[in-house]
Amino acid sequence: MSRFVSAAFCALFMIAFSLTDANAATGKAVYDANCSACHKDGIMGAPKTGNKPAWAPRIAQGMTVLVNKSVAGYQGKKGMMPAKGGNPKLTNAEVKLAVEYMVNLSK
């Protein structure tokens, strides 16, 4: 019985790890195709990906706030974020993965 339980936990771990890799790859692909146009060079006040001081106050708001603003769009004092980065064909899940990708590069 314990071998069965160990095998089950191992399988679940491998599935979770594979999903994480797939999510990261999707987040990068969405970022490269959509988000990098502004976040690579800081266009329209977008925080540059990897700029830790610029991202710190945004990250402090939490992922839910970041994702909601990215999906719905946002007008701030320093710039604006068009809804879904200007690509209405993106799903909310794709936007979330792209935001997670940028946040992970900017911590």
N, C-alpha and C. Protein backbone atom coordinates (compact mmCIF):
# COMPACT_ATOMS: atom_id res chain seq x y z
N MET A 1 0.82 -1.19 0.00
CA MET A 1 0.00 0.00 0.00
C MET A 1 0.86 1.26 0.00
N SER A 2 1.95 1.26 0.78
CA SER A 2 2.78 2.46 0.85
C SER A 2 3.47 2.73 -0.49
N ARG A 3 3.80 1.67 -1.24
CA ARG A 3 4.40 1.89 -2.57
C ARG A 3 3.40 2.56 -3.50
N PHE A 4 2.14 2.16 -3.38
CA PHE A 4 1.09 2.76 -4.20
C PHE A 4 0.95 4.24 -3.87
N VAL A 5 0.93 4.58 -2.60
CA VAL A 5 0.80 5.97 -2.17
C VAL A 5 2.02 6.77 -2.62
N SER A 6 3.20 6.21 -2.47
CA SER A 6 4.42 6.89 -2.92
C SER A 6 4.39 7.14 -4.42
N ALA A 7 3.97 6.15 -5.17
CA ALA A 7 3.89 6.29 -6.63
C ALA A 7 2.86 7.35 -7.01
N ALA A 8 1.75 7.39 -6.30
CA ALA A 8 0.71 8.39 -6.58
C ALA A 8 1.23 9.80 -6.31
N PHE A 9 1.90 9.99 -5.19
CA PHE A 9 2.47 11.31 -4.88
C PHE A 9 3.52 11.71 -5.90
N CYS A 10 4.33 10.78 -6.31
CA CYS A 10 5.36 11.05 -7.31
C CYS A 10 4.70 11.48 -8.63
N ALA A 11 3.65 10.78 -9.04
CA ALA A 11 2.95 11.11 -10.28
C ALA A 11 2.32 12.49 -10.19
N LEU A 12 1.70 12.82 -9.07
CA LEU A 12 1.10 14.13 -8.90
C LEU A 12 2.15 15.23 -8.94
N PHE A 13 3.29 14.99 -8.33
CA PHE A 13 4.38 15.95 -8.35
C PHE A 13 4.85 16.20 -9.78
N MET A 14 5.01 15.14 -10.54
CA MET A 14 5.48 15.27 -11.93
C MET A 14 4.46 16.02 -12.79
N ILE A 15 3.19 15.75 -12.59
CA ILE A 15 2.15 16.46 -13.34
C ILE A 15 2.16 17.94 -12.98
N ALA A 16 2.24 18.25 -11.70
CA ALA A 16 2.27 19.65 -11.26
C ALA A 16 3.50 20.35 -11.82
N PHE A 17 4.64 19.70 -11.81
CA PHE A 17 5.86 20.28 -12.33
C PHE A 17 5.74 20.53 -13.83
N SER A 18 5.15 19.60 -14.57
CA SER A 18 4.96 19.76 -16.01
C SER A 18 4.02 20.92 -16.31
N LEU A 19 2.95 21.06 -15.54
CA LEU A 19 2.03 22.17 -15.75
C LEU A 19 2.70 23.51 -15.48
N THR A 20 3.56 23.55 -14.46
CA THR A 20 4.28 24.78 -14.16
C THR A 20 5.18 25.16 -15.32
N ASP A 21 5.88 24.21 -15.89
CA ASP A 21 6.74 24.48 -17.05
C ASP A 21 5.92 24.95 -18.24
N ALA A 22 4.78 24.31 -18.48
CA ALA A 22 3.92 24.70 -19.60
C ALA A 22 3.36 26.10 -19.38
N ASN A 23 2.97 26.41 -18.15
CA ASN A 23 2.46 27.75 -17.84
C ASN A 23 3.52 28.81 -18.04
N ALA A 24 4.75 28.53 -17.61
CA ALA A 24 5.84 29.48 -17.80
C ALA A 24 6.12 29.70 -19.28
N ALA A 25 6.08 28.63 -20.06
CA ALA A 25 6.32 28.76 -21.51
C ALA A 25 5.21 29.57 -22.16
N THR A 26 3.98 29.33 -21.75
CA THR A 26 2.86 30.10 -22.30
C THR A 26 2.97 31.56 -21.90
N GLY A 27 3.30 31.82 -20.64
CA GLY A 27 3.48 33.19 -20.17
C GLY A 27 4.54 33.93 -20.95
N LYS A 28 5.66 33.26 -21.21
CA LYS A 28 6.74 33.87 -22.00
C LYS A 28 6.28 34.13 -23.43
N ALA A 29 5.57 33.19 -24.02
CA ALA A 29 5.11 33.36 -25.40
C ALA A 29 4.13 34.53 -25.51
N VAL A 30 3.21 34.65 -24.56
CA VAL A 30 2.26 35.77 -24.56
C VAL A 30 3.01 37.08 -24.34
N TYR A 31 3.95 37.09 -23.41
CA TYR A 31 4.78 38.28 -23.16
C TYR A 31 5.52 38.69 -24.43
N ASP A 32 6.20 37.74 -25.05
CA ASP A 32 7.00 38.04 -26.24
C ASP A 32 6.14 38.61 -27.37
N ALA A 33 4.93 38.05 -27.55
CA ALA A 33 4.07 38.45 -28.66
C ALA A 33 3.26 39.72 -28.38
N ASN A 34 3.05 40.05 -27.12
CA ASN A 34 2.14 41.15 -26.79
C ASN A 34 2.73 42.19 -25.84
N CYS A 35 3.22 41.75 -24.72
CA CYS A 35 3.61 42.65 -23.63
C CYS A 35 4.95 43.33 -23.84
N SER A 36 5.87 42.62 -24.48
CA SER A 36 7.22 43.16 -24.62
C SER A 36 7.25 44.44 -25.44
N ALA A 37 6.26 44.66 -26.28
CA ALA A 37 6.21 45.88 -27.09
C ALA A 37 6.31 47.13 -26.21
N CYS A 38 5.71 47.09 -25.04
CA CYS A 38 5.77 48.23 -24.11
C CYS A 38 6.71 47.97 -22.94
N HIS A 39 6.66 46.76 -22.37
CA HIS A 39 7.40 46.49 -21.14
C HIS A 39 8.89 46.29 -21.36
N LYS A 40 9.32 46.04 -22.58
CA LYS A 40 10.76 45.89 -22.85
C LYS A 40 11.47 47.23 -22.71
N ASP A 41 10.84 48.30 -23.24
CA ASP A 41 11.48 49.62 -23.26
C ASP A 41 10.78 50.67 -22.41
N GLY A 42 9.71 50.30 -21.71
CA GLY A 42 9.01 51.25 -20.85
C GLY A 42 8.13 52.24 -21.60
N ILE A 43 7.58 51.83 -22.70
CA ILE A 43 6.71 52.70 -23.50
C ILE A 43 5.39 52.95 -22.77
N MET A 44 4.86 54.14 -22.89
CA MET A 44 3.60 54.57 -22.25
C MET A 44 3.64 54.42 -20.74
N GLY A 45 4.81 54.53 -20.15
CA GLY A 45 4.94 54.44 -18.70
C GLY A 45 4.94 53.03 -18.16
N ALA A 46 5.01 52.04 -19.04
CA ALA A 46 5.04 50.64 -18.58
C ALA A 46 6.32 50.38 -17.82
N PRO A 47 6.23 49.69 -16.68
CA PRO A 47 7.47 49.35 -15.98
C PRO A 47 8.26 48.33 -16.80
N LYS A 48 9.54 48.60 -16.97
CA LYS A 48 10.37 47.68 -17.75
C LYS A 48 10.49 46.34 -17.02
N THR A 49 10.32 45.29 -17.78
CA THR A 49 10.47 43.96 -17.22
C THR A 49 11.88 43.80 -16.67
N GLY A 50 11.97 43.36 -15.44
CA GLY A 50 13.26 43.18 -14.78
C GLY A 50 13.68 44.35 -13.93
N ASN A 51 13.00 45.48 -14.02
CA ASN A 51 13.33 46.66 -13.23
C ASN A 51 12.69 46.51 -11.84
N LYS A 52 13.46 45.97 -10.92
CA LYS A 52 12.93 45.64 -9.60
C LYS A 52 12.34 46.84 -8.85
N PRO A 53 13.01 48.01 -8.84
CA PRO A 53 12.40 49.15 -8.13
C PRO A 53 11.07 49.59 -8.73
N ALA A 54 10.93 49.52 -10.04
CA ALA A 54 9.67 49.92 -10.68
C ALA A 54 8.55 48.92 -10.40
N TRP A 55 8.92 47.66 -10.30
CA TRP A 55 7.91 46.62 -10.09
C TRP A 55 7.54 46.40 -8.63
N ALA A 56 8.43 46.74 -7.71
CA ALA A 56 8.21 46.44 -6.29
C ALA A 56 6.86 46.94 -5.77
N PRO A 57 6.48 48.21 -6.00
CA PRO A 57 5.18 48.64 -5.47
C PRO A 57 4.00 47.96 -6.17
N ARG A 58 4.19 47.59 -7.40
CA ARG A 58 3.13 46.88 -8.12
C ARG A 58 2.98 45.46 -7.59
N ILE A 59 4.10 44.79 -7.40
CA ILE A 59 4.08 43.42 -6.86
C ILE A 59 3.47 43.41 -5.47
N ALA A 60 3.74 44.47 -4.69
CA ALA A 60 3.20 44.56 -3.33
C ALA A 60 1.67 44.60 -3.32
N GLN A 61 1.05 45.02 -4.43
CA GLN A 61 -0.41 45.05 -4.50
C GLN A 61 -1.01 43.65 -4.59
N GLY A 62 -0.21 42.69 -5.00
CA GLY A 62 -0.68 41.31 -5.12
C GLY A 62 -1.03 40.96 -6.55
N MET A 63 -0.95 39.68 -6.83
CA MET A 63 -1.21 39.19 -8.19
C MET A 63 -2.63 39.45 -8.65
N THR A 64 -3.59 39.34 -7.76
CA THR A 64 -4.98 39.55 -8.16
C THR A 64 -5.17 40.96 -8.72
N VAL A 65 -4.63 41.96 -8.05
CA VAL A 65 -4.75 43.35 -8.50
C VAL A 65 -4.01 43.53 -9.83
N LEU A 66 -2.80 43.01 -9.92
CA LEU A 66 -2.03 43.14 -11.16
C LEU A 66 -2.75 42.51 -12.35
N VAL A 67 -3.26 41.33 -12.14
CA VAL A 67 -3.96 40.64 -13.23
C VAL A 67 -5.25 41.37 -13.59
N ASN A 68 -6.01 41.80 -12.59
CA ASN A 68 -7.26 42.51 -12.88
C ASN A 68 -7.01 43.79 -13.67
N LYS A 69 -5.98 44.55 -13.28
CA LYS A 69 -5.65 45.77 -14.01
C LYS A 69 -5.17 45.46 -15.42
N SER A 70 -4.45 44.38 -15.58
CA SER A 70 -3.95 43.99 -16.90
C SER A 70 -5.08 43.52 -17.81
N VAL A 71 -6.06 42.85 -17.25
CA VAL A 71 -7.20 42.38 -18.03
C VAL A 71 -8.12 43.55 -18.39
N ALA A 72 -8.46 44.38 -17.41
CA ALA A 72 -9.43 45.46 -17.61
C ALA A 72 -8.82 46.73 -18.20
N GLY A 73 -7.52 46.89 -18.02
CA GLY A 73 -6.87 48.14 -18.41
C GLY A 73 -6.75 49.05 -17.20
N TYR A 74 -5.85 50.03 -17.31
CA TYR A 74 -5.58 50.88 -16.16
C TYR A 74 -5.00 52.20 -16.64
N GLN A 75 -5.45 53.30 -16.07
CA GLN A 75 -4.89 54.62 -16.33
C GLN A 75 -4.26 55.12 -15.04
N GLY A 76 -2.95 55.27 -15.03
CA GLY A 76 -2.26 55.72 -13.83
C GLY A 76 -1.68 57.11 -14.01
N LYS A 77 -0.96 57.60 -13.00
CA LYS A 77 -0.35 58.93 -13.07
C LYS A 77 0.82 58.96 -14.06
N LYS A 78 1.52 57.83 -14.19
CA LYS A 78 2.71 57.79 -15.03
C LYS A 78 2.47 57.17 -16.40
N GLY A 79 1.32 56.60 -16.61
CA GLY A 79 1.09 55.94 -17.89
C GLY A 79 -0.22 55.17 -17.89
N MET A 80 -0.37 54.35 -18.89
CA MET A 80 -1.60 53.57 -19.00
C MET A 80 -1.30 52.17 -19.49
N MET A 81 -2.25 51.30 -19.13
CA MET A 81 -2.18 49.90 -19.55
C MET A 81 -3.47 49.61 -20.30
N PRO A 82 -3.38 49.35 -21.60
CA PRO A 82 -4.61 49.01 -22.32
C PRO A 82 -5.12 47.63 -21.88
N ALA A 83 -6.42 47.45 -21.93
CA ALA A 83 -7.01 46.16 -21.56
C ALA A 83 -6.35 45.05 -22.37
N LYS A 84 -5.93 44.01 -21.67
CA LYS A 84 -5.28 42.84 -22.27
C LYS A 84 -4.11 43.24 -23.18
N GLY A 85 -3.44 44.32 -22.78
CA GLY A 85 -2.28 44.78 -23.55
C GLY A 85 -2.64 45.20 -24.96
N GLY A 86 -3.89 45.51 -25.18
CA GLY A 86 -4.33 45.92 -26.50
C GLY A 86 -4.72 44.77 -27.41
N ASN A 87 -4.69 43.56 -26.89
CA ASN A 87 -5.06 42.39 -27.69
C ASN A 87 -6.30 41.72 -27.09
N PRO A 88 -7.48 42.08 -27.57
CA PRO A 88 -8.71 41.52 -27.00
C PRO A 88 -8.87 40.02 -27.22
N LYS A 89 -8.05 39.44 -28.09
CA LYS A 89 -8.15 37.99 -28.34
C LYS A 89 -7.51 37.16 -27.23
N LEU A 90 -6.70 37.80 -26.38
CA LEU A 90 -6.09 37.07 -25.27
C LEU A 90 -7.16 36.68 -24.26
N THR A 91 -7.01 35.49 -23.71
CA THR A 91 -7.89 35.09 -22.62
C THR A 91 -7.37 35.67 -21.31
N ASN A 92 -8.22 35.74 -20.32
CA ASN A 92 -7.79 36.20 -19.00
C ASN A 92 -6.68 35.31 -18.45
N ALA A 93 -6.76 34.02 -18.72
CA ALA A 93 -5.74 33.07 -18.25
C ALA A 93 -4.39 33.36 -18.92
N GLU A 94 -4.40 33.70 -20.19
CA GLU A 94 -3.15 34.03 -20.89
C GLU A 94 -2.54 35.31 -20.33
N VAL A 95 -3.37 36.29 -20.06
CA VAL A 95 -2.89 37.54 -19.46
C VAL A 95 -2.27 37.25 -18.10
N LYS A 96 -2.94 36.43 -17.31
CA LYS A 96 -2.42 36.07 -15.98
C LYS A 96 -1.05 35.41 -16.09
N LEU A 97 -0.89 34.50 -17.03
CA LEU A 97 0.41 33.82 -17.19
C LEU A 97 1.50 34.81 -17.62
N ALA A 98 1.15 35.76 -18.46
CA ALA A 98 2.13 36.77 -18.88
C ALA A 98 2.51 37.67 -17.71
N VAL A 99 1.54 38.05 -16.90
CA VAL A 99 1.82 38.88 -15.72
C VAL A 99 2.72 38.09 -14.76
N GLU A 100 2.41 36.84 -14.53
CA GLU A 100 3.26 36.01 -13.65
C GLU A 100 4.68 35.93 -14.20
N TYR A 101 4.82 35.79 -15.50
CA TYR A 101 6.14 35.72 -16.13
C TYR A 101 6.91 37.03 -15.86
N MET A 102 6.26 38.18 -16.07
CA MET A 102 6.94 39.46 -15.85
C MET A 102 7.29 39.66 -14.38
N VAL A 103 6.38 39.29 -13.51
CA VAL A 103 6.62 39.44 -12.07
C VAL A 103 7.82 38.58 -11.65
N ASN A 104 7.87 37.35 -12.14
CA ASN A 104 8.98 36.48 -11.79
C ASN A 104 10.32 37.02 -12.27
N LEU A 105 10.33 37.71 -13.40
CA LEU A 105 11.57 38.32 -13.89
C LEU A 105 11.91 39.63 -13.17
N SER A 106 10.95 40.16 -12.44
CA SER A 106 11.11 41.49 -11.86
C SER A 106 11.18 41.50 -10.33
N LYS A 107 11.28 40.34 -9.73
CA LYS A 107 11.40 40.25 -8.26
C LYS A 107 12.83 40.46 -7.83
